Amino acid sequence: MSIAGDLIRGHTDAIILARLMKEDSYGYEINKTILTLSGGRFELKEATLYTSFKRLEELGHIQSYWGEGGTGARRRYYTITPSGREAYYHLLAEWGETKEIMNQLLEANETL
């Protein structure tokens, strides 16, 4: 079963912040992790990923820096800021409420 991308795409910022809560990372690695964790069912488009990075950086939720990759190539890494940690917990709470509401609406057995 494939998950509709539109359902998840609205939560791109939360997904990126969740990955950065674990460790600093770069775009390709974050997207590869998302693909792996979703069992191959979801992958962000590159434009969506980098648009989200830009938005999160402008909001002060993440910062970027240049670092060396394992192959010696320079990569732009992202790190979460204290503001980003607060935003992550806020988005996580919103997601919890959303799941609760959706479960109530989709699993309701009573007729009105």
PDB file of N, CA and C in Angstrom:
ATOM      1  N   MET A   1       0.849  -1.183   0.000  1.00  0.00           N
ATOM      2  CA  MET A   1       0.000   0.000   0.000  1.00  0.00           C
ATOM      3  C   MET A   1       0.890   1.238   0.000  1.00  0.00           C
ATOM      4  N   SER A   2       0.654   2.131  -0.904  1.00  0.00           N
ATOM      5  CA  SER A   2       1.430   3.358  -1.010  1.00  0.00           C
ATOM      6  C   SER A   2       0.710   4.487  -0.286  1.00  0.00           C
ATOM      7  N   ILE A   3       1.437   5.252   0.484  1.00  0.00           N
ATOM      8  CA  ILE A   3       0.851   6.371   1.216  1.00  0.00           C
ATOM      9  C   ILE A   3       0.803   7.577   0.287  1.00  0.00           C
ATOM     10  N   ALA A   4      -0.323   8.253   0.286  1.00  0.00           N
ATOM     11  CA  ALA A   4      -0.470   9.428  -0.564  1.00  0.00           C
ATOM     12  C   ALA A   4       0.520  10.493  -0.138  1.00  0.00           C
ATOM     13  N   GLY A   5       1.347  10.914  -1.071  1.00  0.00           N
ATOM     14  CA  GLY A   5       2.368  11.911  -0.780  1.00  0.00           C
ATOM     15  C   GLY A   5       1.801  13.213  -0.251  1.00  0.00           C
ATOM     16  N   ASP A   6       0.615  13.603  -0.725  1.00  0.00           N
ATOM     17  CA  ASP A   6       0.022  14.862  -0.284  1.00  0.00           C
ATOM     18  C   ASP A   6      -0.256  14.851   1.213  1.00  0.00           C
ATOM     19  N   LEU A   7      -0.620  13.704   1.750  1.00  0.00           N
ATOM     20  CA  LEU A   7      -0.875  13.606   3.188  1.00  0.00           C
ATOM     21  C   LEU A   7       0.385  13.873   3.991  1.00  0.00           C
ATOM     22  N   ILE A   8       1.495  13.380   3.525  1.00  0.00           N
ATOM     23  CA  ILE A   8       2.751  13.491   4.256  1.00  0.00           C
ATOM     24  C   ILE A   8       3.450  14.808   3.966  1.00  0.00           C
ATOM     25  N   ARG A   9       3.347  15.289   2.731  1.00  0.00           N
ATOM     26  CA  ARG A   9       4.079  16.490   2.332  1.00  0.00           C
ATOM     27  C   ARG A   9       3.772  17.690   3.222  1.00  0.00           C
ATOM     28  N   GLY A  10       2.590  17.764   3.776  1.00  0.00           N
ATOM     29  CA  GLY A  10       2.229  18.849   4.675  1.00  0.00           C
ATOM     30  C   GLY A  10       3.002  18.812   5.982  1.00  0.00           C
ATOM     31  N   HIS A  11       3.720  17.723   6.199  1.00  0.00           N
ATOM     32  CA  HIS A  11       4.472  17.546   7.442  1.00  0.00           C
ATOM     33  C   HIS A  11       5.980  17.471   7.182  1.00  0.00           C
ATOM     34  N   THR A  12       6.398  17.993   6.045  1.00  0.00           N
ATOM     35  CA  THR A  12       7.814  17.943   5.657  1.00  0.00           C
ATOM     36  C   THR A  12       8.715  18.582   6.710  1.00  0.00           C
ATOM     37  N   ASP A  13       8.335  19.750   7.197  1.00  0.00           N
ATOM     38  CA  ASP A  13       9.171  20.422   8.188  1.00  0.00           C
ATOM     39  C   ASP A  13       9.332  19.555   9.430  1.00  0.00           C
ATOM     40  N   ALA A  14       8.240  18.966   9.901  1.00  0.00           N
ATOM     41  CA  ALA A  14       8.295  18.117  11.091  1.00  0.00           C
ATOM     42  C   ALA A  14       9.199  16.911  10.849  1.00  0.00           C
ATOM     43  N   ILE A  15       9.125  16.328   9.667  1.00  0.00           N
ATOM     44  CA  ILE A  15       9.941  15.161   9.345  1.00  0.00           C
ATOM     45  C   ILE A  15      11.425  15.534   9.346  1.00  0.00           C
ATOM     46  N   ILE A  16      11.750  16.664   8.736  1.00  0.00           N
ATOM     47  CA  ILE A  16      13.151  17.107   8.687  1.00  0.00           C
ATOM     48  C   ILE A  16      13.654  17.427  10.092  1.00  0.00           C
ATOM     49  N   LEU A  17      12.850  18.146  10.871  1.00  0.00           N
ATOM     50  CA  LEU A  17      13.264  18.462  12.237  1.00  0.00           C
ATOM     51  C   LEU A  17      13.452  17.189  13.066  1.00  0.00           C
ATOM     52  N   ALA A  18      12.594  16.206  12.856  1.00  0.00           N
ATOM     53  CA  ALA A  18      12.733  14.930  13.582  1.00  0.00           C
ATOM     54  C   ALA A  18      14.068  14.272  13.259  1.00  0.00           C
ATOM     55  N   ARG A  19      14.465  14.291  11.998  1.00  0.00           N
ATOM     56  CA  ARG A  19      15.748  13.694  11.610  1.00  0.00           C
ATOM     57  C   ARG A  19      16.906  14.462  12.246  1.00  0.00           C
ATOM     58  N   LEU A  20      16.796  15.799  12.267  1.00  0.00           N
ATOM     59  CA  LEU A  20      17.872  16.621  12.824  1.00  0.00           C
ATOM     60  C   LEU A  20      17.901  16.580  14.349  1.00  0.00           C
ATOM     61  N   MET A  21      16.825  16.141  14.987  1.00  0.00           N
ATOM     62  CA  MET A  21      16.840  15.938  16.439  1.00  0.00           C
ATOM     63  C   MET A  21      17.816  14.803  16.783  1.00  0.00           C
ATOM     64  N   LYS A  22      17.987  13.878  15.849  1.00  0.00           N
ATOM     65  CA  LYS A  22      18.883  12.732  16.070  1.00  0.00           C
ATOM     66  C   LYS A  22      20.346  13.116  15.873  1.00  0.00           C
ATOM     67  N   GLU A  23      20.609  13.847  14.772  1.00  0.00           N
ATOM     68  CA  GLU A  23      21.987  14.236  14.460  1.00  0.00           C
ATOM     69  C   GLU A  23      21.991  15.215  13.294  1.00  0.00           C
ATOM     70  N   ASP A  24      23.094  15.958  13.170  1.00  0.00           N
ATOM     71  CA  ASP A  24      23.274  16.821  12.003  1.00  0.00           C
ATOM     72  C   ASP A  24      23.327  15.937  10.760  1.00  0.00           C
ATOM     73  N   SER A  25      22.854  16.469   9.654  1.00  0.00           N
ATOM     74  CA  SER A  25      22.837  15.664   8.439  1.00  0.00           C
ATOM     75  C   SER A  25      22.769  16.577   7.220  1.00  0.00           C
ATOM     76  N   TYR A  26      22.849  15.973   6.045  1.00  0.00           N
ATOM     77  CA  TYR A  26      22.765  16.706   4.777  1.00  0.00           C
ATOM     78  C   TYR A  26      21.588  16.163   3.982  1.00  0.00           C
ATOM     79  N   GLY A  27      21.189  16.903   2.958  1.00  0.00           N
ATOM     80  CA  GLY A  27      19.961  16.609   2.227  1.00  0.00           C
ATOM     81  C   GLY A  27      19.815  15.193   1.728  1.00  0.00           C
ATOM     82  N   TYR A  28      20.808  14.697   1.011  1.00  0.00           N
ATOM     83  CA  TYR A  28      20.697  13.351   0.444  1.00  0.00           C
ATOM     84  C   TYR A  28      20.535  12.302   1.539  1.00  0.00           C
ATOM     85  N   GLU A  29      21.308  12.449   2.611  1.00  0.00           N
ATOM     86  CA  GLU A  29      21.240  11.479   3.702  1.00  0.00           C
ATOM     87  C   GLU A  29      19.873  11.511   4.395  1.00  0.00           C
ATOM     88  N   ILE A  30      19.330  12.705   4.592  1.00  0.00           N
ATOM     89  CA  ILE A  30      18.001  12.822   5.201  1.00  0.00           C
ATOM     90  C   ILE A  30      16.964  12.150   4.318  1.00  0.00           C
ATOM     91  N   ASN A  31      17.018  12.407   3.032  1.00  0.00           N
ATOM     92  CA  ASN A  31      16.036  11.812   2.120  1.00  0.00           C
ATOM     93  C   ASN A  31      16.187  10.290   2.059  1.00  0.00           C
ATOM     94  N   LYS A  32      17.411   9.812   2.083  1.00  0.00           N
ATOM     95  CA  LYS A  32      17.653   8.366   2.073  1.00  0.00           C
ATOM     96  C   LYS A  32      17.095   7.722   3.341  1.00  0.00           C
ATOM     97  N   THR A  33      17.253   8.404   4.479  1.00  0.00           N
ATOM     98  CA  THR A  33      16.726   7.891   5.743  1.00  0.00           C
ATOM     99  C   THR A  33      15.203   7.865   5.723  1.00  0.00           C
ATOM    100  N   ILE A  34      14.593   8.905   5.185  1.00  0.00           N
ATOM    101  CA  ILE A  34      13.134   8.946   5.067  1.00  0.00           C
ATOM    102  C   ILE A  34      12.641   7.778   4.219  1.00  0.00           C
ATOM    103  N   LEU A  35      13.302   7.537   3.110  1.00  0.00           N
ATOM    104  CA  LEU A  35      12.929   6.431   2.234  1.00  0.00           C
ATOM    105  C   LEU A  35      13.069   5.093   2.961  1.00  0.00           C
ATOM    106  N   THR A  36      14.141   4.923   3.688  1.00  0.00           N
ATOM    107  CA  THR A  36      14.372   3.678   4.430  1.00  0.00           C
ATOM    108  C   THR A  36      13.344   3.495   5.537  1.00  0.00           C
ATOM    109  N   LEU A  37      13.147   4.538   6.353  1.00  0.00           N
ATOM    110  CA  LEU A  37      12.210   4.438   7.474  1.00  0.00           C
ATOM    111  C   LEU A  37      10.765   4.229   7.015  1.00  0.00           C
ATOM    112  N   SER A  38      10.441   4.709   5.824  1.00  0.00           N
ATOM    113  CA  SER A  38       9.085   4.531   5.302  1.00  0.00           C
ATOM    114  C   SER A  38       8.942   3.209   4.543  1.00  0.00           C
ATOM    115  N   GLY A  39       9.962   2.390   4.569  1.00  0.00           N
ATOM    116  CA  GLY A  39       9.897   1.115   3.855  1.00  0.00           C
ATOM    117  C   GLY A  39       9.823   1.309   2.353  1.00  0.00           C
ATOM    118  N   GLY A  40      10.404   2.404   1.867  1.00  0.00           N
ATOM    119  CA  GLY A  40      10.403   2.671   0.432  1.00  0.00           C
ATOM    120  C   GLY A  40       9.104   3.276  -0.081  1.00  0.00           C
ATOM    121  N   ARG A  41       8.196   3.630   0.825  1.00  0.00           N
ATOM    122  CA  ARG A  41       6.888   4.135   0.405  1.00  0.00           C
ATOM    123  C   ARG A  41       6.818   5.641   0.266  1.00  0.00           C
ATOM    124  N   PHE A  42       7.847   6.356   0.755  1.00  0.00           N
ATOM    125  CA  PHE A  42       7.802   7.819   0.665  1.00  0.00           C
ATOM    126  C   PHE A  42       9.199   8.366   0.475  1.00  0.00           C
ATOM    127  N   GLU A  43       9.312   9.288  -0.472  1.00  0.00           N
ATOM    128  CA  GLU A  43      10.568   9.972  -0.736  1.00  0.00           C
ATOM    129  C   GLU A  43      10.222  11.418  -1.091  1.00  0.00           C
ATOM    130  N   LEU A  44      10.936  12.343  -0.458  1.00  0.00           N
ATOM    131  CA  LEU A  44      10.700  13.754  -0.772  1.00  0.00           C
ATOM    132  C   LEU A  44      11.345  14.098  -2.100  1.00  0.00           C
ATOM    133  N   LYS A  45      10.668  14.927  -2.865  1.00  0.00           N
ATOM    134  CA  LYS A  45      11.280  15.448  -4.080  1.00  0.00           C
ATOM    135  C   LYS A  45      12.378  16.423  -3.641  1.00  0.00           C
ATOM    136  N   GLU A  46      13.442  16.478  -4.409  1.00  0.00           N
ATOM    137  CA  GLU A  46      14.577  17.326  -4.056  1.00  0.00           C
ATOM    138  C   GLU A  46      14.152  18.778  -3.865  1.00  0.00           C
ATOM    139  N   ALA A  47      13.301  19.282  -4.751  1.00  0.00           N
ATOM    140  CA  ALA A  47      12.846  20.673  -4.650  1.00  0.00           C
ATOM    141  C   ALA A  47      12.078  20.900  -3.345  1.00  0.00           C
ATOM    142  N   THR A  48      11.244  19.948  -2.958  1.00  0.00           N
ATOM    143  CA  THR A  48      10.486  20.056  -1.712  1.00  0.00           C
ATOM    144  C   THR A  48      11.423  20.072  -0.518  1.00  0.00           C
ATOM    145  N   LEU A  49      12.405  19.188  -0.527  1.00  0.00           N
ATOM    146  CA  LEU A  49      13.368  19.083   0.559  1.00  0.00           C
ATOM    147  C   LEU A  49      14.132  20.389   0.746  1.00  0.00           C
ATOM    148  N   TYR A  50      14.681  20.919  -0.337  1.00  0.00           N
ATOM    149  CA  TYR A  50      15.502  22.119  -0.232  1.00  0.00           C
ATOM    150  C   TYR A  50      14.678  23.385   0.003  1.00  0.00           C
ATOM    151  N   THR A  51      13.437  23.401  -0.437  1.00  0.00           N
ATOM    152  CA  THR A  51      12.535  24.504  -0.109  1.00  0.00           C
ATOM    153  C   THR A  51      12.260  24.509   1.392  1.00  0.00           C
ATOM    154  N   SER A  52      12.065  23.333   1.953  1.00  0.00           N
ATOM    155  CA  SER A  52      11.836  23.216   3.390  1.00  0.00           C
ATOM    156  C   SER A  52      13.074  23.632   4.170  1.00  0.00           C
ATOM    157  N   PHE A  53      14.265  23.207   3.716  1.00  0.00           N
ATOM    158  CA  PHE A  53      15.504  23.636   4.376  1.00  0.00           C
ATOM    159  C   PHE A  53      15.587  25.164   4.401  1.00  0.00           C
ATOM    160  N   LYS A  54      15.298  25.787   3.274  1.00  0.00           N
ATOM    161  CA  LYS A  54      15.379  27.249   3.175  1.00  0.00           C
ATOM    162  C   LYS A  54      14.397  27.912   4.139  1.00  0.00           C
ATOM    163  N   ARG A  55      13.161  27.410   4.162  1.00  0.00           N
ATOM    164  CA  ARG A  55      12.136  27.967   5.045  1.00  0.00           C
ATOM    165  C   ARG A  55      12.540  27.800   6.517  1.00  0.00           C
ATOM    166  N   LEU A  56      13.008  26.603   6.878  1.00  0.00           N
ATOM    167  CA  LEU A  56      13.402  26.337   8.262  1.00  0.00           C
ATOM    168  C   LEU A  56      14.597  27.198   8.678  1.00  0.00           C
ATOM    169  N   GLU A  57      15.497  27.424   7.736  1.00  0.00           N
ATOM    170  CA  GLU A  57      16.661  28.265   8.033  1.00  0.00           C
ATOM    171  C   GLU A  57      16.232  29.725   8.217  1.00  0.00           C
ATOM    172  N   GLU A  58      15.333  30.197   7.359  1.00  0.00           N
ATOM    173  CA  GLU A  58      14.838  31.581   7.476  1.00  0.00           C
ATOM    174  C   GLU A  58      14.090  31.791   8.788  1.00  0.00           C
ATOM    175  N   LEU A  59      13.412  30.749   9.279  1.00  0.00           N
ATOM    176  CA  LEU A  59      12.688  30.824  10.549  1.00  0.00           C
ATOM    177  C   LEU A  59      13.622  30.702  11.755  1.00  0.00           C
ATOM    178  N   GLY A  60      14.874  30.351  11.505  1.00  0.00           N
ATOM    179  CA  GLY A  60      15.830  30.179  12.587  1.00  0.00           C
ATOM    180  C   GLY A  60      15.746  28.830  13.275  1.00  0.00           C
ATOM    181  N   HIS A  61      15.046  27.875  12.648  1.00  0.00           N
ATOM    182  CA  HIS A  61      14.884  26.544  13.240  1.00  0.00           C
ATOM    183  C   HIS A  61      16.064  25.620  12.950  1.00  0.00           C
ATOM    184  N   ILE A  62      16.787  25.909  11.873  1.00  0.00           N
ATOM    185  CA  ILE A  62      17.981  25.137  11.539  1.00  0.00           C
ATOM    186  C   ILE A  62      19.072  26.103  11.086  1.00  0.00           C
ATOM    187  N   GLN A  63      20.303  25.616  11.119  1.00  0.00           N
ATOM    188  CA  GLN A  63      21.436  26.348  10.569  1.00  0.00           C
ATOM    189  C   GLN A  63      22.196  25.387   9.675  1.00  0.00           C
ATOM    190  N   SER A  64      22.860  25.941   8.675  1.00  0.00           N
ATOM    191  CA  SER A  64      23.650  25.089   7.789  1.00  0.00           C
ATOM    192  C   SER A  64      25.119  25.443   7.925  1.00  0.00           C
ATOM    193  N   TYR A  65      25.953  24.468   7.597  1.00  0.00           N
ATOM    194  CA  TYR A  65      27.397  24.677   7.591  1.00  0.00           C
ATOM    195  C   TYR A  65      28.005  23.692   6.600  1.00  0.00           C
ATOM    196  N   TRP A  66      29.180  24.021   6.131  1.00  0.00           N
ATOM    197  CA  TRP A  66      29.870  23.156   5.177  1.00  0.00           C
ATOM    198  C   TRP A  66      30.742  22.162   5.946  1.00  0.00           C
ATOM    199  N   GLY A  67      30.673  20.913   5.518  1.00  0.00           N
ATOM    200  CA  GLY A  67      31.483  19.874   6.136  1.00  0.00           C
ATOM    201  C   GLY A  67      31.991  18.915   5.084  1.00  0.00           C
ATOM    202  N   GLU A  68      32.934  18.105   5.474  1.00  0.00           N
ATOM    203  CA  GLU A  68      33.509  17.104   4.570  1.00  0.00           C
ATOM    204  C   GLU A  68      32.715  15.802   4.678  1.00  0.00           C
ATOM    205  N   GLY A  69      32.393  15.218   3.541  1.00  0.00           N
ATOM    206  CA  GLY A  69      31.747  13.918   3.519  1.00  0.00           C
ATOM    207  C   GLY A  69      32.783  12.812   3.582  1.00  0.00           C
ATOM    208  N   GLY A  70      32.329  11.579   3.664  1.00  0.00           N
ATOM    209  CA  GLY A  70      33.230  10.440   3.742  1.00  0.00           C
ATOM    210  C   GLY A  70      34.136  10.303   2.525  1.00  0.00           C
ATOM    211  N   THR A  71      33.706  10.827   1.397  1.00  0.00           N
ATOM    212  CA  THR A  71      34.497  10.735   0.160  1.00  0.00           C
ATOM    213  C   THR A  71      35.350  11.978  -0.055  1.00  0.00           C
ATOM    214  N   GLY A  72      35.348  12.860   0.935  1.00  0.00           N
ATOM    215  CA  GLY A  72      36.120  14.091   0.801  1.00  0.00           C
ATOM    216  C   GLY A  72      35.353  15.214   0.133  1.00  0.00           C
ATOM    217  N   ALA A  73      34.163  14.939  -0.328  1.00  0.00           N
ATOM    218  CA  ALA A  73      33.345  15.971  -0.972  1.00  0.00           C
ATOM    219  C   ALA A  73      32.763  16.900   0.091  1.00  0.00           C
ATOM    220  N   ARG A  74      32.717  18.177  -0.224  1.00  0.00           N
ATOM    221  CA  ARG A  74      32.098  19.126   0.709  1.00  0.00           C
ATOM    222  C   ARG A  74      30.582  19.007   0.606  1.00  0.00           C
ATOM    223  N   ARG A  75      29.941  18.974   1.758  1.00  0.00           N
ATOM    224  CA  ARG A  75      28.485  18.876   1.805  1.00  0.00           C
ATOM    225  C   ARG A  75      27.951  19.959   2.727  1.00  0.00           C
ATOM    226  N   ARG A  76      26.734  20.392   2.423  1.00  0.00           N
ATOM    227  CA  ARG A  76      26.069  21.356   3.298  1.00  0.00           C
ATOM    228  C   ARG A  76      25.277  20.563   4.332  1.00  0.00           C
ATOM    229  N   TYR A  77      25.707  20.661   5.569  1.00  0.00           N
ATOM    230  CA  TYR A  77      25.051  19.983   6.680  1.00  0.00           C
ATOM    231  C   TYR A  77      24.077  20.934   7.350  1.00  0.00           C
ATOM    232  N   TYR A  78      23.083  20.346   7.989  1.00  0.00           N
ATOM    233  CA  TYR A  78      22.081  21.112   8.715  1.00  0.00           C
ATOM    234  C   TYR A  78      22.058  20.652  10.164  1.00  0.00           C
ATOM    235  N   THR A  79      21.876  21.610  11.060  1.00  0.00           N
ATOM    236  CA  THR A  79      21.771  21.329  12.480  1.00  0.00           C
ATOM    237  C   THR A  79      20.546  22.042  13.034  1.00  0.00           C
ATOM    238  N   ILE A  80      19.910  21.443  14.004  1.00  0.00           N
ATOM    239  CA  ILE A  80      18.714  22.040  14.592  1.00  0.00           C
ATOM    240  C   ILE A  80      19.130  23.052  15.664  1.00  0.00           C
ATOM    241  N   THR A  81      18.383  24.126  15.786  1.00  0.00           N
ATOM    242  CA  THR A  81      18.650  25.166  16.781  1.00  0.00           C
ATOM    243  C   THR A  81      17.691  24.971  17.958  1.00  0.00           C
ATOM    244  N   PRO A  82      17.914  25.681  19.059  1.00  0.00           N
ATOM    245  CA  PRO A  82      16.949  25.606  20.166  1.00  0.00           C
ATOM    246  C   PRO A  82      15.522  25.970  19.714  1.00  0.00           C
ATOM    247  N   SER A  83      15.397  26.963  18.845  1.00  0.00           N
ATOM    248  CA  SER A  83      14.091  27.332  18.284  1.00  0.00           C
ATOM    249  C   SER A  83      13.502  26.169  17.478  1.00  0.00           C
ATOM    250  N   GLY A  84      14.363  25.467  16.752  1.00  0.00           N
ATOM    251  CA  GLY A  84      13.917  24.316  15.971  1.00  0.00           C
ATOM    252  C   GLY A  84      13.438  23.172  16.852  1.00  0.00           C
ATOM    253  N   ARG A  85      14.093  22.990  17.999  1.00  0.00           N
ATOM    254  CA  ARG A  85      13.652  21.957  18.949  1.00  0.00           C
ATOM    255  C   ARG A  85      12.256  22.276  19.472  1.00  0.00           C
ATOM    256  N   GLU A  86      12.033  23.555  19.810  1.00  0.00           N
ATOM    257  CA  GLU A  86      10.696  23.978  20.252  1.00  0.00           C
ATOM    258  C   GLU A  86       9.668  23.749  19.149  1.00  0.00           C
ATOM    259  N   ALA A  87      10.026  24.124  17.921  1.00  0.00           N
ATOM    260  CA  ALA A  87       9.115  23.941  16.783  1.00  0.00           C
ATOM    261  C   ALA A  87       8.812  22.462  16.577  1.00  0.00           C
ATOM    262  N   TYR A  88       9.838  21.610  16.717  1.00  0.00           N
ATOM    263  CA  TYR A  88       9.636  20.169  16.555  1.00  0.00           C
ATOM    264  C   TYR A  88       8.611  19.650  17.566  1.00  0.00           C
ATOM    265  N   TYR A  89       8.770  20.015  18.838  1.00  0.00           N
ATOM    266  CA  TYR A  89       7.830  19.536  19.854  1.00  0.00           C
ATOM    267  C   TYR A  89       6.426  20.067  19.613  1.00  0.00           C
ATOM    268  N   HIS A  90       6.320  21.294  19.127  1.00  0.00           N
ATOM    269  CA  HIS A  90       5.016  21.861  18.784  1.00  0.00           C
ATOM    270  C   HIS A  90       4.378  21.080  17.623  1.00  0.00           C
ATOM    271  N   LEU A  91       5.169  20.826  16.579  1.00  0.00           N
ATOM    272  CA  LEU A  91       4.654  20.083  15.418  1.00  0.00           C
ATOM    273  C   LEU A  91       4.309  18.642  15.793  1.00  0.00           C
ATOM    274  N   LEU A  92       5.078  18.056  16.688  1.00  0.00           N
ATOM    275  CA  LEU A  92       4.787  16.692  17.153  1.00  0.00           C
ATOM    276  C   LEU A  92       3.447  16.656  17.893  1.00  0.00           C
ATOM    277  N   ALA A  93       3.197  17.658  18.721  1.00  0.00           N
ATOM    278  CA  ALA A  93       1.916  17.736  19.435  1.00  0.00           C
ATOM    279  C   ALA A  93       0.766  17.934  18.446  1.00  0.00           C
ATOM    280  N   GLU A  94       0.979  18.799  17.457  1.00  0.00           N
ATOM    281  CA  GLU A  94      -0.051  19.009  16.421  1.00  0.00           C
ATOM    282  C   GLU A  94      -0.351  17.708  15.684  1.00  0.00           C
ATOM    283  N   TRP A  95       0.704  16.946  15.364  1.00  0.00           N
ATOM    284  CA  TRP A  95       0.521  15.676  14.669  1.00  0.00           C
ATOM    285  C   TRP A  95      -0.288  14.708  15.532  1.00  0.00           C
ATOM    286  N   GLY A  96      -0.002  14.675  16.830  1.00  0.00           N
ATOM    287  CA  GLY A  96      -0.759  13.808  17.738  1.00  0.00           C
ATOM    288  C   GLY A  96      -2.237  14.154  17.734  1.00  0.00           C
ATOM    289  N   GLU A  97      -2.548  15.445  17.779  1.00  0.00           N
ATOM    290  CA  GLU A  97      -3.946  15.887  17.725  1.00  0.00           C
ATOM    291  C   GLU A  97      -4.583  15.537  16.393  1.00  0.00           C
ATOM    292  N   THR A  98      -3.832  15.726  15.312  1.00  0.00           N
ATOM    293  CA  THR A  98      -4.342  15.401  13.974  1.00  0.00           C
ATOM    294  C   THR A  98      -4.678  13.921  13.869  1.00  0.00           C
ATOM    295  N   LYS A  99      -3.766  13.060  14.349  1.00  0.00           N
ATOM    296  CA  LYS A  99      -4.024  11.612  14.310  1.00  0.00           C
ATOM    297  C   LYS A  99      -5.271  11.262  15.106  1.00  0.00           C
ATOM    298  N   GLU A 100      -5.408  11.872  16.276  1.00  0.00           N
ATOM    299  CA  GLU A 100      -6.569  11.597  17.130  1.00  0.00           C
ATOM    300  C   GLU A 100      -7.864  11.980  16.425  1.00  0.00           C
ATOM    301  N   ILE A 101      -7.883  13.172  15.842  1.00  0.00           N
ATOM    302  CA  ILE A 101      -9.085  13.638  15.135  1.00  0.00           C
ATOM    303  C   ILE A 101      -9.385  12.736  13.937  1.00  0.00           C
ATOM    304  N   MET A 102      -8.362  12.423  13.151  1.00  0.00           N
ATOM    305  CA  MET A 102      -8.577  11.577  11.971  1.00  0.00           C
ATOM    306  C   MET A 102      -9.077  10.196  12.374  1.00  0.00           C
ATOM    307  N   ASN A 103      -8.514   9.624  13.429  1.00  0.00           N
ATOM    308  CA  ASN A 103      -8.980   8.312  13.895  1.00  0.00           C
ATOM    309  C   ASN A 103     -10.443   8.384  14.310  1.00  0.00           C
ATOM    310  N   GLN A 104     -10.818   9.439  15.015  1.00  0.00           N
ATOM    311  CA  GLN A 104     -12.212   9.584  15.426  1.00  0.00           C
ATOM    312  C   GLN A 104     -13.127   9.720  14.216  1.00  0.00           C
ATOM    313  N   LEU A 105     -12.698  10.482  13.217  1.00  0.00           N
ATOM    314  CA  LEU A 105     -13.548  10.703  12.049  1.00  0.00           C
ATOM    315  C   LEU A 105     -13.630   9.468  11.156  1.00  0.00           C
ATOM    316  N   LEU A 106     -12.507   8.791  10.970  1.00  0.00           N
ATOM    317  CA  LEU A 106     -12.481   7.662  10.046  1.00  0.00           C
ATOM    318  C   LEU A 106     -12.986   6.357  10.659  1.00  0.00           C
ATOM    319  N   GLU A 107     -12.895   6.236  11.966  1.00  0.00           N
ATOM    320  CA  GLU A 107     -13.282   4.980  12.594  1.00  0.00           C
ATOM    321  C   GLU A 107     -14.630   5.083  13.311  1.00  0.00           C
ATOM    322  N   ALA A 108     -15.304   6.198  13.174  1.00  0.00           N
ATOM    323  CA  ALA A 108     -16.602   6.380  13.824  1.00  0.00           C
ATOM    324  C   ALA A 108     -17.610   5.402  13.244  1.00  0.00           C
ATOM    325  N   ASN A 109     -18.317   4.720  14.117  1.00  0.00           N
ATOM    326  CA  ASN A 109     -19.299   3.722  13.682  1.00  0.00           C
ATOM    327  C   ASN A 109     -20.730   4.175  13.870  1.00  0.00           C
ATOM    328  N   GLU A 110     -20.910   5.346  14.416  1.00  0.00           N
ATOM    329  CA  GLU A 110     -22.277   5.793  14.648  1.00  0.00           C
ATOM    330  C   GLU A 110     -22.794   6.611  13.470  1.00  0.00           C
ATOM    331  N   THR A 111     -24.077   6.562  13.269  1.00  0.00           N
ATOM    332  CA  THR A 111     -24.693   7.358  12.224  1.00  0.00           C
ATOM    333  C   THR A 111     -25.299   8.594  12.852  1.00  0.00           C
ATOM    334  N   LEU A 112     -25.263   9.662  12.133  1.00  0.00           N
ATOM    335  CA  LEU A 112     -25.798  10.925  12.665  1.00  0.00           C
ATOM    336  C   LEU A 112     -27.221  11.130  12.237  1.00  0.00           C
TER     337      LEU A 112
END
